[in-house]
Amino acid sequence: MDGSLYRALVFLFMLPGLAQADSVNAEWVSTTRALTMGNVGIASSDDPTTAAFYNPAGLARAKKASFEVFNPQIDFGFGNFSLSKSAVDWGKHASYNAAKEMVKAKPGKASSVGFSLYPNVSSQNFSFGVLGRMHRWSYYRQSDQTWRYQSRYLIVPSLGLSMGIMGGRVRFGAAVRAIQVTETNGIVADTGSTILTNESTGEGLGVGLDAGMLITMPWSSLPSLGLVARNVGDTAFPTRGLVKWGGGQKVNHAKIKMMYDAGVAITPKIGQKDTLTLAVDMRDIQNRSEVRALRHFNVGMEFAFSKKLYLRAGYSQAYWTAGIGLASKQGALDLGSYADELDSVAAGAVEDRKFSLRYTRRF
């Protein structure tokens, strides 16, 4: 075995596996394209945003430099439609306390919104960008009469580097990030009181590292194997950070533990200009998240017609996903639907079905 390949394998797989991970799908942001393909990307990512957060070794696939100056993504819960009876109700989804009577009136229906922006510059083997992201959901569970809620606010400058050996058939990559996070997770009994979130809010600034490998066989369908060590050595948040969201007293965010992901993909050609991508990802191989086995597997497919029209479908967290994309040299428009599982362990228990839209303008 080549010496550099051996050393890289040792680095990636001999690191100690530590405690439980933050969640089974632990990338800091997911693009509409990936989400509507079943949230796959470990072996199939080739755009700079997906590669930077799913497997930085994929940055080596870039053919030319690009600057994504504007790429907003909106994720909007279908439950918001059934919860909102009037125009006034739509503004309530931005607050737990404002939305709590709406979700109580329809137990199991989630109020959820999300937004992200990741302006970045990239070229082959290099990517730098600054992620801004927020998401929020809440719902009422009738069985134990509790409100359940989560929110996360992120500012994440991210630098990714990659390299290839053996004619580019084996690639390695790493992404280092400064992570400013404010995250709230809570379960509150139905006592009629105001939902207080400070006691369940973690805030902090830390530095995280992901390391990845991508092996592509020199065959017609380009079968690929991707491996990622996420949050290498734990991601800790020793300080409270520079950006404060909301008031009140909060605690330092807990460490996010290291986990391993793997994925396989093939991309056979269909005719002269069309391709089909089929991919399967296994998240959190060691089950640090301790969730049901079904939630560890993501499956997705994408038909690309002349690199202009894309049809996507997949399966993730026990729910279907589907979407469409339009692309040109100047940018892309992706839209579709996916679902998050809001139960912390189960699969197919509490569905938060969402619509996702992402517009990318690049130079």
Protein backbone atom coordinates (compact mmCIF):
# COMPACT_ATOMS: atom_id res chain seq x y z
CA MET A 1 0.00 0.00 0.00
CA ASP A 2 1.20 3.52 -0.83
CA GLY A 3 2.75 5.18 2.24
CA SER A 4 0.63 8.33 2.09
CA LEU A 5 -2.55 6.29 1.68
CA TYR A 6 -1.63 4.14 4.69
CA ARG A 7 -0.97 7.20 6.89
CA ALA A 8 -4.26 8.77 5.85
CA LEU A 9 -6.19 5.60 6.65
CA VAL A 10 -4.54 5.43 10.07
CA PHE A 11 -5.49 9.07 10.73
CA LEU A 12 -9.10 8.56 9.70
CA PHE A 13 -9.92 5.26 11.35
CA MET A 14 -7.64 4.87 14.34
CA LEU A 15 -8.93 7.97 16.09
CA PRO A 16 -10.79 7.07 19.26
CA GLY A 17 -14.56 6.70 18.98
CA LEU A 18 -15.94 8.80 21.80
CA ALA A 19 -19.38 9.27 23.32
CA GLN A 20 -22.84 9.76 21.86
CA ALA A 21 -23.24 11.99 18.82
CA ASP A 22 -25.49 15.05 18.59
CA SER A 23 -27.81 13.41 16.03
CA VAL A 24 -27.67 10.68 13.43
CA ASN A 25 -27.54 13.18 10.54
CA ALA A 26 -24.94 15.51 11.99
CA GLU A 27 -23.83 17.76 9.13
CA TRP A 28 -24.24 21.44 10.03
CA VAL A 29 -26.38 22.21 7.00
CA SER A 30 -28.12 20.12 4.32
CA THR A 31 -28.89 21.42 0.85
CA THR A 32 -32.29 21.05 -0.82
CA ARG A 33 -30.63 18.82 -3.42
CA ALA A 34 -29.29 16.40 -0.80
CA LEU A 35 -32.45 16.46 1.32
CA THR A 36 -34.73 15.63 -1.61
CA MET A 37 -32.36 12.79 -2.61
CA GLY A 38 -32.87 11.09 0.75
CA ASN A 39 -30.16 13.20 2.44
CA VAL A 40 -27.34 11.29 0.75
CA GLY A 41 -23.99 12.88 -0.03
CA ILE A 42 -21.14 10.94 1.62
CA ALA A 43 -20.09 9.40 -1.72
CA SER A 44 -22.24 11.36 -4.19
CA SER A 45 -21.65 15.05 -3.35
CA ASP A 46 -20.05 17.15 -6.08
CA ASP A 47 -21.30 20.71 -5.44
CA PRO A 48 -19.18 22.82 -3.04
CA THR A 49 -21.79 23.26 -0.30
CA THR A 50 -22.75 19.60 -0.06
CA ALA A 51 -19.14 18.42 -0.28
CA ALA A 52 -17.97 20.87 2.39
CA PHE A 53 -20.47 19.56 4.95
CA TYR A 54 -21.05 15.92 3.94
CA ASN A 55 -17.59 14.77 2.85
CA PRO A 56 -14.77 17.29 2.26
CA ALA A 57 -12.92 14.76 0.08
CA GLY A 58 -15.59 15.52 -2.54
CA LEU A 59 -14.07 18.99 -3.04
CA ALA A 60 -11.50 17.32 -5.30
CA ARG A 61 -14.32 16.66 -7.81
CA ALA A 62 -14.72 20.37 -8.64
CA LYS A 63 -13.78 21.16 -12.24
CA LYS A 64 -13.47 24.94 -11.99
CA ALA A 65 -13.51 27.83 -9.56
CA SER A 66 -16.84 29.38 -8.58
CA PHE A 67 -18.20 32.05 -6.26
CA GLU A 68 -21.67 31.45 -4.83
CA VAL A 69 -22.54 34.94 -3.77
CA PHE A 70 -26.20 34.24 -2.96
CA ASN A 71 -27.72 30.85 -2.13
CA PRO A 72 -30.64 31.20 0.32
CA GLN A 73 -32.56 28.10 1.37
CA ILE A 74 -36.00 28.07 2.99
CA ASP A 75 -37.47 25.01 4.74
CA PHE A 76 -41.14 25.33 5.60
CA GLY A 77 -43.29 22.79 7.49
CA PHE A 78 -46.50 21.55 5.87
CA GLY A 79 -48.02 21.52 9.37
CA ASN A 80 -47.96 25.32 9.36
CA PHE A 81 -50.84 25.34 6.87
CA SER A 82 -53.20 23.32 9.05
CA LEU A 83 -52.15 25.19 12.23
CA SER A 84 -52.64 28.70 10.82
CA LYS A 85 -56.30 29.69 10.64
CA SER A 86 -55.69 33.37 9.83
CA ALA A 87 -53.02 35.70 8.50
CA VAL A 88 -52.13 36.65 12.09
CA ASP A 89 -51.30 33.03 12.90
CA TRP A 90 -48.50 32.86 10.34
CA GLY A 91 -46.35 35.21 12.38
CA LYS A 92 -46.72 33.02 15.47
CA HIS A 93 -44.47 30.27 14.08
CA ALA A 94 -41.42 32.39 14.99
CA SER A 95 -42.11 31.98 18.75
CA TYR A 96 -42.74 28.94 20.96
CA ASN A 97 -45.09 30.82 23.26
CA ALA A 98 -47.01 32.39 20.38
CA ALA A 99 -47.43 29.03 18.64
CA LYS A 100 -48.16 26.89 21.71
CA GLU A 101 -51.95 27.21 21.62
CA MET A 102 -52.00 26.47 17.90
CA VAL A 103 -50.01 23.24 18.26
CA LYS A 104 -52.04 22.24 21.33
CA ALA A 105 -55.23 22.53 19.28
CA LYS A 106 -53.81 19.96 16.82
CA PRO A 107 -51.59 17.50 18.72
CA GLY A 108 -48.82 15.94 16.65
CA LYS A 109 -48.84 18.71 14.03
CA ALA A 110 -45.52 20.52 13.99
CA SER A 111 -44.88 24.22 13.65
CA SER A 112 -41.52 24.51 11.85
CA VAL A 113 -39.46 27.02 9.88
CA GLY A 114 -35.85 27.13 8.71
CA PHE A 115 -33.50 29.34 6.74
CA SER A 116 -29.85 29.12 5.71
CA LEU A 117 -27.34 31.09 3.65
CA TYR A 118 -23.83 29.94 2.74
CA PRO A 119 -21.93 32.37 0.49
CA ASN A 120 -18.71 30.62 -0.52
CA VAL A 121 -15.80 30.54 -2.93
CA SER A 122 -14.47 27.21 -4.18
CA SER A 123 -12.14 25.56 -6.65
CA GLN A 124 -10.73 22.08 -7.03
CA ASN A 125 -9.45 20.99 -3.60
CA PHE A 126 -10.49 24.22 -1.85
CA SER A 127 -13.60 25.80 -0.35
CA PHE A 128 -14.25 28.67 2.04
CA GLY A 129 -17.60 30.06 3.11
CA VAL A 130 -19.60 31.39 6.04
CA LEU A 131 -22.79 29.57 6.99
CA GLY A 132 -25.68 31.33 8.65
CA ARG A 133 -28.56 29.08 9.63
CA MET A 134 -31.63 28.96 11.85
CA HIS A 135 -34.34 26.37 12.31
CA ARG A 136 -37.15 25.94 14.81
CA TRP A 137 -39.92 23.42 15.46
CA SER A 138 -42.46 22.69 18.18
CA TYR A 139 -45.43 20.39 18.67
CA TYR A 140 -47.79 19.18 21.39
CA ARG A 141 -47.90 15.50 22.38
CA GLN A 142 -51.31 14.44 23.59
CA SER A 143 -50.21 11.17 25.23
CA ASP A 144 -48.29 12.91 28.03
CA GLN A 145 -49.62 16.48 27.57
CA THR A 146 -46.28 18.12 26.88
CA TRP A 147 -44.91 20.73 24.51
CA ARG A 148 -41.74 19.63 22.73
CA TYR A 149 -39.51 22.08 20.93
CA GLN A 150 -36.09 22.68 19.43
CA SER A 151 -34.24 25.58 17.82
CA ARG A 152 -30.71 26.08 16.54
CA TYR A 153 -28.95 29.27 15.42
CA LEU A 154 -25.57 28.94 13.71
CA ILE A 155 -22.77 31.09 12.34
CA VAL A 156 -20.06 28.83 10.91
CA PRO A 157 -17.01 30.01 8.91
CA SER A 158 -15.76 26.86 7.17
CA LEU A 159 -12.51 26.06 5.35
CA GLY A 160 -12.21 22.84 3.34
CA LEU A 161 -9.14 21.34 1.68
CA SER A 162 -8.67 18.10 -0.26
CA MET A 163 -6.07 16.18 -2.24
CA GLY A 164 -5.96 13.19 -4.56
CA ILE A 165 -3.54 10.34 -5.16
CA MET A 166 -3.41 7.37 -7.53
CA GLY A 167 -4.59 9.49 -10.44
CA GLY A 168 -7.41 10.98 -8.39
CA ARG A 169 -9.00 7.60 -7.68
CA VAL A 170 -8.35 8.09 -3.95
CA ARG A 171 -9.11 11.47 -2.41
CA PHE A 172 -8.77 12.85 1.10
CA GLY A 173 -10.25 15.99 2.57
CA ALA A 174 -10.70 17.91 5.78
CA ALA A 175 -12.93 20.79 6.82
CA VAL A 176 -12.21 22.97 9.84
CA ARG A 177 -14.88 25.29 11.20
CA ALA A 178 -15.39 27.94 13.85
CA ILE A 179 -18.87 27.18 15.19
CA GLN A 180 -21.03 29.72 16.99
CA VAL A 181 -24.16 27.87 18.15
CA THR A 182 -27.21 28.64 20.27
CA GLU A 183 -29.41 25.56 20.65
CA THR A 184 -32.56 24.93 22.67
CA ASN A 185 -34.13 21.52 23.31
CA GLY A 186 -37.01 21.13 25.70
CA ILE A 187 -40.05 19.23 26.97
CA VAL A 188 -42.49 21.30 29.03
CA ALA A 189 -45.55 19.97 30.88
CA ASP A 190 -48.92 21.52 30.05
CA THR A 191 -49.41 23.62 33.18
CA GLY A 192 -50.70 26.74 31.47
CA SER A 193 -47.48 28.61 32.20
CA THR A 194 -45.16 30.34 29.75
CA ILE A 195 -42.58 28.15 28.06
CA LEU A 196 -39.20 29.08 29.49
CA THR A 197 -36.27 28.05 27.31
CA ASN A 198 -33.16 29.51 28.97
CA GLU A 199 -32.69 26.53 31.27
CA SER A 200 -32.52 24.20 28.23
CA THR A 201 -30.42 26.45 25.99
CA GLY A 202 -26.76 25.79 25.26
CA GLU A 203 -24.63 28.52 23.70
CA GLY A 204 -20.99 28.56 22.74
CA LEU A 205 -18.12 28.99 20.31
CA GLY A 206 -15.97 26.04 19.31
CA VAL A 207 -13.74 24.63 16.59
CA GLY A 208 -14.77 21.48 14.73
CA LEU A 209 -12.99 19.21 12.26
CA ASP A 210 -14.36 16.67 9.77
CA ALA A 211 -12.05 14.31 7.85
CA GLY A 212 -13.11 12.31 4.81
CA MET A 213 -11.96 9.85 2.18
CA LEU A 214 -13.42 9.08 -1.25
CA ILE A 215 -12.43 6.10 -3.41
CA THR A 216 -13.66 5.99 -7.02
CA MET A 217 -13.14 2.96 -9.22
CA PRO A 218 -12.09 3.66 -12.86
CA TRP A 219 -15.13 1.89 -14.32
CA SER A 220 -17.90 3.22 -16.51
CA SER A 221 -20.43 3.80 -13.71
CA LEU A 222 -17.77 5.37 -11.42
CA PRO A 223 -18.63 3.36 -8.27
CA SER A 224 -17.50 5.36 -5.24
CA LEU A 225 -17.01 4.66 -1.55
CA GLY A 226 -17.00 7.57 0.90
CA LEU A 227 -15.98 7.56 4.57
CA VAL A 228 -16.16 10.46 7.04
CA ALA A 229 -14.99 11.01 10.61
CA ARG A 230 -17.24 13.80 11.89
CA ASN A 231 -16.40 16.13 14.81
CA VAL A 232 -12.95 14.59 15.17
CA GLY A 233 -11.85 14.37 18.80
CA ASP A 234 -15.17 15.90 19.95
CA THR A 235 -16.30 19.44 19.18
CA ALA A 236 -16.21 21.41 22.43
CA PHE A 237 -17.57 24.91 23.15
CA PRO A 238 -15.30 26.34 25.87
CA THR A 239 -16.51 29.93 25.55
CA ARG A 240 -19.94 31.53 25.21
CA GLY A 241 -18.99 33.13 21.91
CA LEU A 242 -19.38 36.52 20.28
CA VAL A 243 -22.98 36.41 19.07
CA LYS A 244 -25.89 36.26 21.53
CA TRP A 245 -29.38 35.11 20.55
CA GLY A 246 -32.10 36.18 22.97
CA GLY A 247 -31.72 37.21 26.58
CA GLY A 248 -31.56 35.47 29.93
CA GLN A 249 -29.05 33.10 31.45
CA LYS A 250 -27.79 30.18 29.38
CA VAL A 251 -25.26 27.41 29.83
CA ASN A 252 -22.30 26.45 27.67
CA HIS A 253 -23.27 24.12 24.84
CA ALA A 254 -22.44 20.48 25.51
CA LYS A 255 -19.71 18.73 23.51
CA ILE A 256 -20.70 17.15 20.22
CA LYS A 257 -19.17 13.71 20.08
CA MET A 258 -17.26 12.15 17.23
CA MET A 259 -19.04 9.75 14.84
CA TYR A 260 -18.35 7.86 11.61
CA ASP A 261 -20.40 7.86 8.39
CA ALA A 262 -20.06 5.82 5.20
CA GLY A 263 -21.65 5.90 1.76
CA VAL A 264 -21.58 4.24 -1.66
CA ALA A 265 -22.70 5.64 -5.01
CA ILE A 266 -22.71 4.80 -8.70
CA THR A 267 -23.28 7.19 -11.62
CA PRO A 268 -24.00 5.30 -14.84
CA LYS A 269 -24.48 7.24 -18.08
CA ILE A 270 -27.80 7.07 -19.89
CA GLY A 271 -27.14 8.08 -23.47
CA GLN A 272 -24.62 10.76 -24.37
CA LYS A 273 -25.51 13.56 -21.93
CA ASP A 274 -27.76 12.06 -19.26
CA THR A 275 -26.70 10.35 -16.03
CA LEU A 276 -28.30 8.50 -13.15
CA THR A 277 -26.91 8.71 -9.61
CA LEU A 278 -27.79 6.03 -7.07
CA ALA A 279 -26.48 6.40 -3.51
CA VAL A 280 -26.79 4.80 -0.07
CA ASP A 281 -25.41 6.38 3.12
CA MET A 282 -25.06 4.84 6.54
CA ARG A 283 -24.86 7.44 9.29
CA ASP A 284 -23.35 7.00 12.75
CA ILE A 285 -21.93 3.54 12.12
CA GLN A 286 -21.26 2.94 15.82
CA ASN A 287 -24.79 4.06 16.82
CA ARG A 288 -23.57 6.71 19.25
CA SER A 289 -26.95 8.42 18.79
CA GLU A 290 -28.78 5.27 20.00
CA VAL A 291 -31.67 5.65 17.57
CA ARG A 292 -33.64 3.00 15.69
CA ALA A 293 -31.64 1.18 13.00
CA LEU A 294 -33.90 2.45 10.20
CA ARG A 295 -32.81 6.03 10.85
CA HIS A 296 -29.17 5.25 10.09
CA PHE A 297 -29.81 4.56 6.40
CA ASN A 298 -30.42 7.11 3.67
CA VAL A 299 -31.15 6.09 0.07
CA GLY A 300 -31.38 8.44 -2.91
CA MET A 301 -31.38 8.77 -6.67
CA GLU A 302 -31.04 11.59 -9.19
CA PHE A 303 -31.68 11.70 -12.95
CA ALA A 304 -29.63 14.44 -14.64
CA PHE A 305 -30.75 15.47 -18.12
CA SER A 306 -27.96 17.33 -19.96
CA LYS A 307 -26.90 18.81 -16.58
CA LYS A 308 -29.85 21.18 -16.84
CA LEU A 309 -32.87 19.31 -15.45
CA TYR A 310 -32.68 17.07 -12.36
CA LEU A 311 -35.30 14.71 -10.96
CA ARG A 312 -34.69 13.38 -7.44
CA ALA A 313 -36.21 10.93 -4.99
CA GLY A 314 -35.15 9.11 -1.85
CA TYR A 315 -35.84 7.73 1.59
CA SER A 316 -34.57 9.13 4.89
CA GLN A 317 -35.59 8.83 8.55
CA ALA A 318 -38.36 6.39 7.47
CA TYR A 319 -39.93 9.00 5.16
CA TRP A 320 -39.99 9.61 1.39
CA THR A 321 -38.28 12.56 -0.27
CA ALA A 322 -38.62 13.99 -3.78
CA GLY A 323 -37.58 17.08 -5.71
CA ILE A 324 -36.63 18.78 -8.94
CA GLY A 325 -33.73 21.01 -9.96
CA LEU A 326 -32.92 23.41 -12.78
CA ALA A 327 -29.33 24.45 -13.43
CA SER A 328 -27.26 26.70 -15.68
CA LYS A 329 -23.74 28.10 -15.63
CA GLN A 330 -24.99 31.09 -13.62
CA GLY A 331 -26.90 29.26 -10.94
CA ALA A 332 -29.52 26.71 -9.90
CA LEU A 333 -33.01 26.40 -8.50
CA ASP A 334 -33.86 23.34 -6.38
CA LEU A 335 -37.17 22.54 -4.72
CA GLY A 336 -38.95 19.56 -3.24
CA SER A 337 -40.12 17.88 -0.06
CA TYR A 338 -38.60 15.82 2.74
CA ALA A 339 -39.47 15.02 6.36
CA ASP A 340 -37.69 15.17 9.72
CA GLU A 341 -38.38 12.74 12.55
CA LEU A 342 -39.06 14.78 15.68
CA ASP A 343 -38.96 11.87 18.12
CA SER A 344 -35.47 11.58 19.58
CA VAL A 345 -35.20 7.79 19.12
CA ALA A 346 -38.06 6.27 17.12
CA ALA A 347 -38.57 5.99 13.37
CA GLY A 348 -41.86 6.97 11.71
CA ALA A 349 -43.29 8.35 14.96
CA VAL A 350 -43.65 12.16 14.59
CA GLU A 351 -43.33 13.39 11.01
CA ASP A 352 -42.44 17.01 10.24
CA ARG A 353 -43.07 17.10 6.49
CA LYS A 354 -41.36 20.10 4.88
CA PHE A 355 -41.10 22.00 1.63
CA SER A 356 -37.56 23.09 0.72
CA LEU A 357 -36.46 25.74 -1.77
CA ARG A 358 -32.90 26.79 -2.60
CA TYR A 359 -31.73 29.35 -5.14
CA THR A 360 -28.05 29.58 -6.06
CA ARG A 361 -26.43 32.46 -7.93
CA ARG A 362 -22.80 31.86 -8.87
CA PHE A 363 -19.98 33.40 -10.89
